[in-house]
Amino acid sequence: MRLFVGIEISAGIREAIGEYTKKLQRDSSGAENKWVKPESLHVTLKFIGENKDSVGIAKELHSIQYSPITLTFKGVGFFTPRKPRVFWAGVEAPPELASLAADIDARLSKIGVPKEPHTYEEYQPHVTLARTGSGRPAGSARDRNKLAMFSLQELVAKQPQPEFGTMTAEEFILYRSETLPGGSRYTALARFPLVPRI
């Protein structure tokens, strides 16, 4: 099964992002863009990929201890700006979020999950709102002549940067990802609390 570790976004912020993207979908001509449904919005901490050992992964994740982390969702952008493939909302967070992501990466590498190619000084928390083609930031061969994201980029540039709100993350989650005809579906397999340290 396809797995990843992430943080669920609060209902209020999910609703604010949903209203924003709904308006963009109405106003843009990017029919080829694949929009993420509001109920699927999340902050990814670690992409695992195909892995059958969800029990072993959950066991390793249970040993990670962090306090709750405050996240502010504001601003939008594109990976990569000159050849946009992914439209995202920004996440402002203290260094503890990158530390949590780095710890998850290090712990899971002990049980055979490949480490992330980037360093956690480069970790850029975000929420994917839409993608086009393969959805890879650098694109792939089958993405040639995909212009839908450019029209969205032009539309976004004419508007003020949005602010979606602030929340406190009190847990992180091991998710299963399934690709269905109507879009991706994410199912929480295990939850790991972020508990204040005394």
C-alpha atoms as a PDB file:
ATOM      1  CA  MET A   1       0.000   0.000   0.000  1.00  0.00           C
ATOM      2  CA  ARG A   2       1.047   3.617  -0.597  1.00  0.00           C
ATOM      3  CA  LEU A   3       1.832   5.447   2.648  1.00  0.00           C
ATOM      4  CA  PHE A   4       2.827   8.868   3.942  1.00  0.00           C
ATOM      5  CA  VAL A   5       3.013  10.713   7.273  1.00  0.00           C
ATOM      6  CA  GLY A   6       1.269  14.053   7.636  1.00  0.00           C
ATOM      7  CA  ILE A   7      -0.680  16.541   9.711  1.00  0.00           C
ATOM      8  CA  GLU A   8      -4.421  16.969   9.308  1.00  0.00           C
ATOM      9  CA  ILE A   9      -5.615  20.551   8.780  1.00  0.00           C
ATOM     10  CA  SER A  10      -8.331  21.985  11.054  1.00  0.00           C
ATOM     11  CA  ALA A  11     -11.871  22.368   9.684  1.00  0.00           C
ATOM     12  CA  GLY A  12     -11.812  26.187   9.688  1.00  0.00           C
ATOM     13  CA  ILE A  13      -8.598  26.419   7.680  1.00  0.00           C
ATOM     14  CA  ARG A  14      -9.759  23.651   5.354  1.00  0.00           C
ATOM     15  CA  GLU A  15     -12.957  25.632   4.707  1.00  0.00           C
ATOM     16  CA  ALA A  16     -11.040  28.880   4.060  1.00  0.00           C
ATOM     17  CA  ILE A  17      -8.715  27.173   1.587  1.00  0.00           C
ATOM     18  CA  GLY A  18     -11.688  25.440  -0.057  1.00  0.00           C
ATOM     19  CA  GLU A  19     -13.479  28.766  -0.645  1.00  0.00           C
ATOM     20  CA  TYR A  20     -10.309  30.272  -2.091  1.00  0.00           C
ATOM     21  CA  THR A  21      -9.639  27.391  -4.500  1.00  0.00           C
ATOM     22  CA  LYS A  22     -13.301  27.202  -5.542  1.00  0.00           C
ATOM     23  CA  LYS A  23     -13.134  30.812  -6.712  1.00  0.00           C
ATOM     24  CA  LEU A  24      -9.883  30.160  -8.583  1.00  0.00           C
ATOM     25  CA  GLN A  25     -11.401  27.156 -10.332  1.00  0.00           C
ATOM     26  CA  ARG A  26     -14.328  29.308 -11.478  1.00  0.00           C
ATOM     27  CA  ASP A  27     -12.102  32.122 -12.727  1.00  0.00           C
ATOM     28  CA  SER A  28      -9.278  30.130 -14.334  1.00  0.00           C
ATOM     29  CA  SER A  29      -9.235  28.218 -17.604  1.00  0.00           C
ATOM     30  CA  GLY A  30      -7.017  25.477 -16.166  1.00  0.00           C
ATOM     31  CA  ALA A  31      -9.352  22.552 -16.718  1.00  0.00           C
ATOM     32  CA  GLU A  32      -6.364  20.196 -16.877  1.00  0.00           C
ATOM     33  CA  ASN A  33      -5.280  21.073 -13.343  1.00  0.00           C
ATOM     34  CA  LYS A  34      -6.057  18.382 -10.785  1.00  0.00           C
ATOM     35  CA  TRP A  35      -7.461  20.136  -7.706  1.00  0.00           C
ATOM     36  CA  VAL A  36      -7.141  18.589  -4.266  1.00  0.00           C
ATOM     37  CA  LYS A  37     -10.483  18.199  -2.483  1.00  0.00           C
ATOM     38  CA  PRO A  38     -10.755  20.196   0.788  1.00  0.00           C
ATOM     39  CA  GLU A  39     -11.163  16.998   2.845  1.00  0.00           C
ATOM     40  CA  SER A  40      -7.835  15.723   1.490  1.00  0.00           C
ATOM     41  CA  LEU A  41      -5.742  18.783   2.361  1.00  0.00           C
ATOM     42  CA  HIS A  42      -2.791  18.045   4.660  1.00  0.00           C
ATOM     43  CA  VAL A  43       0.813  18.930   5.467  1.00  0.00           C
ATOM     44  CA  THR A  44       3.195  16.123   4.451  1.00  0.00           C
ATOM     45  CA  LEU A  45       5.967  15.274   6.912  1.00  0.00           C
ATOM     46  CA  LYS A  46       7.306  12.171   5.168  1.00  0.00           C
ATOM     47  CA  PHE A  47       6.433  10.445   1.895  1.00  0.00           C
ATOM     48  CA  ILE A  48       6.943   6.696   2.287  1.00  0.00           C
ATOM     49  CA  GLY A  49       5.516   5.273  -0.944  1.00  0.00           C
ATOM     50  CA  GLU A  50       4.680   1.609  -1.500  1.00  0.00           C
ATOM     51  CA  ASN A  51       5.227  -0.324   1.729  1.00  0.00           C
ATOM     52  CA  LYS A  52       3.432  -3.334   3.257  1.00  0.00           C
ATOM     53  CA  ASP A  53       4.800  -2.878   6.787  1.00  0.00           C
ATOM     54  CA  SER A  54       2.332  -0.311   8.159  1.00  0.00           C
ATOM     55  CA  VAL A  55       2.450  -2.057  11.573  1.00  0.00           C
ATOM     56  CA  GLY A  56       6.245  -1.790  11.811  1.00  0.00           C
ATOM     57  CA  ILE A  57       6.142   1.827  10.647  1.00  0.00           C
ATOM     58  CA  ALA A  58       3.472   2.711  13.222  1.00  0.00           C
ATOM     59  CA  LYS A  59       5.504   1.033  15.974  1.00  0.00           C
ATOM     60  CA  GLU A  60       8.544   3.145  15.061  1.00  0.00           C
ATOM     61  CA  LEU A  61       6.494   6.349  14.915  1.00  0.00           C
ATOM     62  CA  HIS A  62       5.020   5.738  18.395  1.00  0.00           C
ATOM     63  CA  SER A  63       8.476   6.306  19.882  1.00  0.00           C
ATOM     64  CA  ILE A  64       8.626   9.925  18.626  1.00  0.00           C
ATOM     65  CA  GLN A  65       7.745  12.555  21.231  1.00  0.00           C
ATOM     66  CA  TYR A  66       7.136  16.232  20.469  1.00  0.00           C
ATOM     67  CA  SER A  67       5.017  19.034  21.917  1.00  0.00           C
ATOM     68  CA  PRO A  68       2.094  20.506  19.919  1.00  0.00           C
ATOM     69  CA  ILE A  69       3.200  22.783  17.061  1.00  0.00           C
ATOM     70  CA  THR A  70       1.520  26.012  15.916  1.00  0.00           C
ATOM     71  CA  LEU A  71       1.062  26.325  12.147  1.00  0.00           C
ATOM     72  CA  THR A  72      -0.020  29.418  10.196  1.00  0.00           C
ATOM     73  CA  PHE A  73      -1.350  28.949   6.676  1.00  0.00           C
ATOM     74  CA  LYS A  74      -0.755  31.946   4.420  1.00  0.00           C
ATOM     75  CA  GLY A  75       0.416  32.796   0.935  1.00  0.00           C
ATOM     76  CA  VAL A  76       0.466  30.659  -2.192  1.00  0.00           C
ATOM     77  CA  GLY A  77       3.086  29.733  -4.767  1.00  0.00           C
ATOM     78  CA  PHE A  78       4.214  27.280  -7.418  1.00  0.00           C
ATOM     79  CA  PHE A  79       6.794  24.498  -7.803  1.00  0.00           C
ATOM     80  CA  THR A  80       8.681  25.494  -9.915  1.00  0.00           C
ATOM     81  CA  PRO A  81       7.756  29.082 -10.865  1.00  0.00           C
ATOM     82  CA  ARG A  82       9.157  28.934 -14.439  1.00  0.00           C
ATOM     83  CA  LYS A  83       7.618  25.521 -15.181  1.00  0.00           C
ATOM     84  CA  PRO A  84       4.755  25.326 -12.700  1.00  0.00           C
ATOM     85  CA  ARG A  85       3.509  21.803 -11.934  1.00  0.00           C
ATOM     86  CA  VAL A  86       2.255  22.203  -8.356  1.00  0.00           C
ATOM     87  CA  PHE A  87       0.191  25.025  -6.812  1.00  0.00           C
ATOM     88  CA  TRP A  88       0.564  25.226  -3.027  1.00  0.00           C
ATOM     89  CA  ALA A  89      -0.394  27.173   0.102  1.00  0.00           C
ATOM     90  CA  GLY A  90       2.431  28.156   2.426  1.00  0.00           C
ATOM     91  CA  VAL A  91       2.859  27.009   6.022  1.00  0.00           C
ATOM     92  CA  GLU A  92       4.716  29.105   8.582  1.00  0.00           C
ATOM     93  CA  ALA A  93       5.967  27.011  11.500  1.00  0.00           C
ATOM     94  CA  PRO A  94       8.667  27.019  14.187  1.00  0.00           C
ATOM     95  CA  PRO A  95      11.830  24.922  13.666  1.00  0.00           C
ATOM     96  CA  GLU A  96      10.206  22.078  15.606  1.00  0.00           C
ATOM     97  CA  LEU A  97       8.160  21.121  12.536  1.00  0.00           C
ATOM     98  CA  ALA A  98      11.275  20.517  10.433  1.00  0.00           C
ATOM     99  CA  SER A  99      12.839  18.683  13.395  1.00  0.00           C
ATOM    100  CA  LEU A 100       9.782  16.432  13.655  1.00  0.00           C
ATOM    101  CA  ALA A 101       9.941  15.671   9.916  1.00  0.00           C
ATOM    102  CA  ALA A 102      13.691  14.940  10.202  1.00  0.00           C
ATOM    103  CA  ASP A 103      13.144  12.612  13.180  1.00  0.00           C
ATOM    104  CA  ILE A 104      10.416  10.714  11.328  1.00  0.00           C
ATOM    105  CA  ASP A 105      12.736  10.344   8.334  1.00  0.00           C
ATOM    106  CA  ALA A 106      15.635   9.119  10.507  1.00  0.00           C
ATOM    107  CA  ARG A 107      13.519   6.642  12.521  1.00  0.00           C
ATOM    108  CA  LEU A 108      11.904   5.108   9.452  1.00  0.00           C
ATOM    109  CA  SER A 109      15.246   4.753   7.659  1.00  0.00           C
ATOM    110  CA  LYS A 110      16.192   2.266  10.413  1.00  0.00           C
ATOM    111  CA  ILE A 111      13.498  -0.098   9.158  1.00  0.00           C
ATOM    112  CA  GLY A 112      14.320   0.235   5.473  1.00  0.00           C
ATOM    113  CA  VAL A 113      12.273   3.254   4.360  1.00  0.00           C
ATOM    114  CA  PRO A 114      14.439   5.339   1.971  1.00  0.00           C
ATOM    115  CA  LYS A 115      15.546   8.694   3.371  1.00  0.00           C
ATOM    116  CA  GLU A 116      14.369  11.938   1.801  1.00  0.00           C
ATOM    117  CA  PRO A 117      16.708  13.292  -0.896  1.00  0.00           C
ATOM    118  CA  HIS A 118      16.697  16.794   0.613  1.00  0.00           C
ATOM    119  CA  THR A 119      18.041  17.971   3.965  1.00  0.00           C
ATOM    120  CA  TYR A 120      15.637  19.289   6.566  1.00  0.00           C
ATOM    121  CA  GLU A 121      17.244  22.715   6.391  1.00  0.00           C
ATOM    122  CA  GLU A 122      15.588  22.705   2.937  1.00  0.00           C
ATOM    123  CA  TYR A 123      12.247  21.369   4.217  1.00  0.00           C
ATOM    124  CA  GLN A 124       9.462  23.625   2.929  1.00  0.00           C
ATOM    125  CA  PRO A 125       6.149  22.775   4.580  1.00  0.00           C
ATOM    126  CA  HIS A 126       3.201  23.406   2.289  1.00  0.00           C
ATOM    127  CA  VAL A 127      -0.268  22.225   1.333  1.00  0.00           C
ATOM    128  CA  THR A 128      -0.703  21.024  -2.257  1.00  0.00           C
ATOM    129  CA  LEU A 129      -3.798  22.699  -3.742  1.00  0.00           C
ATOM    130  CA  ALA A 130      -3.539  21.591  -7.384  1.00  0.00           C
ATOM    131  CA  ARG A 131      -1.152  19.815  -9.734  1.00  0.00           C
ATOM    132  CA  THR A 132      -0.852  19.228 -13.428  1.00  0.00           C
ATOM    133  CA  GLY A 133       0.685  16.406 -15.456  1.00  0.00           C
ATOM    134  CA  SER A 134       2.766  14.107 -13.262  1.00  0.00           C
ATOM    135  CA  GLY A 135       2.579  16.592 -10.365  1.00  0.00           C
ATOM    136  CA  ARG A 136       6.341  16.342  -9.885  1.00  0.00           C
ATOM    137  CA  PRO A 137       7.927  19.739  -9.105  1.00  0.00           C
ATOM    138  CA  ALA A 138      10.464  19.334 -11.931  1.00  0.00           C
ATOM    139  CA  GLY A 139       7.953  17.720 -14.270  1.00  0.00           C
ATOM    140  CA  SER A 140       8.425  14.657 -16.453  1.00  0.00           C
ATOM    141  CA  ALA A 141       8.477  13.853 -20.171  1.00  0.00           C
ATOM    142  CA  ARG A 142       4.704  13.431 -20.328  1.00  0.00           C
ATOM    143  CA  ASP A 143       4.203  16.975 -18.991  1.00  0.00           C
ATOM    144  CA  ARG A 144       5.339  18.682 -22.200  1.00  0.00           C
ATOM    145  CA  ASN A 145       3.005  21.399 -23.482  1.00  0.00           C
ATOM    146  CA  LYS A 146       0.946  21.400 -20.283  1.00  0.00           C
ATOM    147  CA  LEU A 147      -0.031  25.074 -20.112  1.00  0.00           C
ATOM    148  CA  ALA A 148      -2.986  24.893 -17.701  1.00  0.00           C
ATOM    149  CA  MET A 149      -0.927  25.887 -14.671  1.00  0.00           C
ATOM    150  CA  PHE A 150       0.414  29.014 -16.419  1.00  0.00           C
ATOM    151  CA  SER A 151      -3.087  30.537 -16.702  1.00  0.00           C
ATOM    152  CA  LEU A 152      -3.623  29.836 -13.002  1.00  0.00           C
ATOM    153  CA  GLN A 153      -0.268  31.427 -12.196  1.00  0.00           C
ATOM    154  CA  GLU A 154      -1.271  34.602 -14.084  1.00  0.00           C
ATOM    155  CA  LEU A 155      -4.608  34.764 -12.255  1.00  0.00           C
ATOM    156  CA  VAL A 156      -3.006  34.308  -8.818  1.00  0.00           C
ATOM    157  CA  ALA A 157      -0.397  37.018  -9.542  1.00  0.00           C
ATOM    158  CA  LYS A 158      -3.189  39.619  -9.918  1.00  0.00           C
ATOM    159  CA  GLN A 159      -4.600  38.941  -6.430  1.00  0.00           C
ATOM    160  CA  PRO A 160      -3.376  39.691  -2.905  1.00  0.00           C
ATOM    161  CA  GLN A 161      -1.714  36.825  -1.066  1.00  0.00           C
ATOM    162  CA  PRO A 162      -4.365  34.987   1.010  1.00  0.00           C
ATOM    163  CA  GLU A 163      -4.291  34.216   4.733  1.00  0.00           C
ATOM    164  CA  PHE A 164      -6.127  31.072   5.818  1.00  0.00           C
ATOM    165  CA  GLY A 165      -5.603  31.004   9.596  1.00  0.00           C
ATOM    166  CA  THR A 166      -3.603  29.445  12.417  1.00  0.00           C
ATOM    167  CA  MET A 167      -3.988  26.096  14.179  1.00  0.00           C
ATOM    168  CA  THR A 168      -2.147  23.979  16.718  1.00  0.00           C
ATOM    169  CA  ALA A 169      -1.180  20.519  15.507  1.00  0.00           C
ATOM    170  CA  GLU A 170      -1.785  18.087  18.364  1.00  0.00           C
ATOM    171  CA  GLU A 171      -1.009  14.896  16.455  1.00  0.00           C
ATOM    172  CA  PHE A 172       0.547  13.519  13.293  1.00  0.00           C
ATOM    173  CA  ILE A 173      -0.894  10.662  11.253  1.00  0.00           C
ATOM    174  CA  LEU A 174       0.193   7.660   9.198  1.00  0.00           C
ATOM    175  CA  TYR A 175      -1.981   7.726   6.072  1.00  0.00           C
ATOM    176  CA  ARG A 176      -2.762   5.269   3.309  1.00  0.00           C
ATOM    177  CA  SER A 177      -3.134   6.909  -0.107  1.00  0.00           C
ATOM    178  CA  GLU A 178      -5.373   5.443  -2.813  1.00  0.00           C
ATOM    179  CA  THR A 179      -5.799   6.794  -6.338  1.00  0.00           C
ATOM    180  CA  LEU A 180      -9.453   6.595  -7.365  1.00  0.00           C
ATOM    181  CA  PRO A 181     -11.322   7.834 -10.473  1.00  0.00           C
ATOM    182  CA  GLY A 182     -12.628  10.834  -8.498  1.00  0.00           C
ATOM    183  CA  GLY A 183      -9.198  11.735  -7.075  1.00  0.00           C
ATOM    184  CA  SER A 184      -6.971  10.578  -4.238  1.00  0.00           C
ATOM    185  CA  ARG A 185      -8.394   9.224  -0.990  1.00  0.00           C
ATOM    186  CA  TYR A 186      -6.395   9.354   2.241  1.00  0.00           C
ATOM    187  CA  THR A 187      -7.222   7.039   5.140  1.00  0.00           C
ATOM    188  CA  ALA A 188      -5.735   7.493   8.623  1.00  0.00           C
ATOM    189  CA  LEU A 189      -4.150   4.194   9.728  1.00  0.00           C
ATOM    190  CA  ALA A 190      -2.612   5.386  13.022  1.00  0.00           C
ATOM    191  CA  ARG A 191      -2.468   8.618  15.021  1.00  0.00           C
ATOM    192  CA  PHE A 192       0.443   9.830  17.151  1.00  0.00           C
ATOM    193  CA  PRO A 193      -0.210  12.545  19.754  1.00  0.00           C
ATOM    194  CA  LEU A 194       1.968  15.602  20.195  1.00  0.00           C
ATOM    195  CA  VAL A 195       1.957  15.993  23.973  1.00  0.00           C
ATOM    196  CA  PRO A 196       3.161  19.055  25.923  1.00  0.00           C
ATOM    197  CA  ARG A 197       6.411  18.343  27.712  1.00  0.00           C
ATOM    198  CA  ILE A 198       6.364  18.964  31.447  1.00  0.00           C
END
